[in-house]
Protein backbone atom coordinates (compact mmCIF):
# COMPACT_ATOMS: atom_id res chain seq x y z
CA MET A 1 -25.57 6.80 9.90
CA GLU A 2 -22.41 4.81 10.49
CA ARG A 3 -19.12 6.59 9.90
CA LYS A 4 -16.89 4.82 7.37
CA ARG A 5 -13.17 4.84 8.20
CA PHE A 6 -10.58 4.15 5.52
CA GLY A 7 -6.80 4.33 5.52
CA VAL A 8 -3.72 3.14 3.65
CA THR A 9 -0.31 2.85 5.29
CA TYR A 10 2.99 1.50 4.03
CA PHE A 11 5.59 -0.35 6.06
CA LEU A 12 8.64 -2.59 5.58
CA ARG A 13 8.76 -6.32 6.22
CA LYS A 14 12.31 -6.31 7.59
CA ALA A 15 12.36 -10.07 8.20
CA ARG A 16 12.23 -10.59 4.42
CA THR A 17 15.33 -8.58 3.45
CA ASN A 18 17.05 -10.24 0.50
CA LYS A 19 20.77 -10.75 -0.17
CA ALA A 20 20.96 -7.48 -2.11
CA GLY A 21 19.80 -5.61 1.01
CA LEU A 22 16.35 -4.71 -0.33
CA THR A 23 13.36 -4.98 1.97
CA PRO A 24 9.82 -5.44 0.58
CA ILE A 25 7.21 -2.77 1.18
CA LEU A 26 3.70 -3.76 2.20
CA ALA A 27 0.49 -1.77 2.06
CA ARG A 28 -1.97 -2.08 4.93
CA ILE A 29 -5.53 -1.21 3.97
CA THR A 30 -7.82 -0.51 6.93
CA THR A 31 -11.58 -0.05 6.80
CA ASN A 32 -13.66 0.31 9.95
CA GLY A 33 -10.96 -1.24 12.15
CA ILE A 34 -10.34 -4.29 9.94
CA SER A 35 -7.04 -4.41 8.06
CA LYS A 36 -5.46 -6.48 5.30
CA GLU A 37 -1.86 -6.43 4.11
CA ILE A 38 -0.71 -6.62 0.50
CA TYR A 39 2.76 -7.07 -0.96
CA ILE A 40 3.05 -4.33 -3.55
CA GLN A 41 6.01 -5.78 -5.49
CA CYS A 42 8.31 -2.93 -4.51
CA SER A 43 11.47 -3.01 -2.37
CA VAL A 44 13.83 -0.46 -0.86
CA PRO A 45 16.97 -0.58 1.32
CA ALA A 46 15.86 -0.50 4.97
CA ASP A 47 18.23 2.36 5.80
CA LYS A 48 16.54 4.58 3.18
CA TRP A 49 13.02 4.19 4.60
CA ASN A 50 11.32 6.81 6.76
CA GLN A 51 8.38 5.12 8.49
CA SER A 52 6.85 8.31 9.85
CA LYS A 53 6.56 9.71 6.31
CA GLU A 54 5.98 6.28 4.72
CA ARG A 55 8.45 7.25 2.02
CA ALA A 56 11.91 6.36 0.79
CA THR A 57 14.44 9.03 1.71
CA GLY A 58 17.16 10.11 -0.64
CA LYS A 59 17.54 11.79 -3.99
CA ASP A 60 18.76 8.79 -5.97
CA LYS A 61 16.78 7.29 -8.82
CA LEU A 62 15.63 4.22 -6.85
CA CYS A 63 14.08 6.32 -4.08
CA GLN A 64 12.31 8.55 -6.58
CA GLN A 65 10.93 5.52 -8.43
CA VAL A 66 9.77 3.91 -5.18
CA ASN A 67 8.01 7.08 -4.01
CA SER A 68 6.33 7.50 -7.39
CA TYR A 69 5.17 3.88 -7.30
CA LEU A 70 3.79 4.34 -3.77
CA ASP A 71 1.81 7.39 -4.88
CA ASP A 72 0.41 5.51 -7.89
CA TYR A 73 -0.47 2.47 -5.79
CA ARG A 74 -2.29 4.59 -3.19
CA ALA A 75 -4.27 6.24 -6.01
CA ARG A 76 -5.11 2.81 -7.43
CA ILE A 77 -6.37 1.61 -4.03
CA ARG A 78 -8.61 4.67 -3.71
CA ALA A 79 -9.90 4.23 -7.27
CA VAL A 80 -10.77 0.59 -6.61
CA ARG A 81 -12.61 1.57 -3.42
CA GLN A 82 -14.60 4.26 -5.23
CA GLU A 83 -15.44 1.80 -8.01
CA LEU A 84 -16.71 -0.77 -5.49
CA ILE A 85 -18.82 1.82 -3.67
CA ALA A 86 -20.26 3.05 -6.99
CA LYS A 87 -21.31 -0.53 -7.82
CA GLY A 88 -23.13 -0.82 -4.51
CA TYR A 89 -20.58 -2.83 -2.55
CA GLU A 90 -19.37 -1.90 0.91
CA GLY A 91 -15.81 -1.19 -0.29
CA ASN A 92 -14.11 -2.89 2.65
CA CYS A 93 -10.46 -3.95 2.81
CA ILE A 94 -11.18 -7.57 1.85
CA GLN A 95 -13.00 -6.54 -1.33
CA ILE A 96 -10.29 -4.02 -2.20
CA LYS A 97 -7.53 -6.61 -1.74
CA GLU A 98 -9.36 -9.15 -3.90
CA ARG A 99 -9.90 -6.58 -6.65
CA LEU A 100 -6.24 -5.47 -6.58
CA GLN A 101 -4.97 -9.04 -6.78
CA ASN A 102 -7.50 -10.16 -9.43
CA PRO A 103 -8.42 -7.21 -11.64
CA THR A 104 -11.23 -8.49 -13.87
C-alpha cells in the first residue's frame, strides 16, 4: 500500500510587499511530493513573521488575528481533504486548491 504524504506550510511572498509594509502570506499544500500555492488573503509585516514557526510574532491585535486565521485556514484545508477522501477522490493538492477556491 502506498504511503500518502500531506503537509501545509505558510510563507511570505516578500516581493509583493505593499506600500503599507504588509506582505501577503501564502499556503503551500503538498501531497506526495507535488505542491500548489494559494494566496490566503492575509498579510503581515515582514519583520513580524517567524518562518520557522510559520506564525506572526508579537502580542498586538494584528498578529493575534493573523495567527487565528492561519489556524482556521489550516483546519479548513484538512477538512476539505477529508471530505474529498470520504467521497472517493484521491485528495491531492490540485483537488484541494480547486475546492478551496470554488466551494460548491
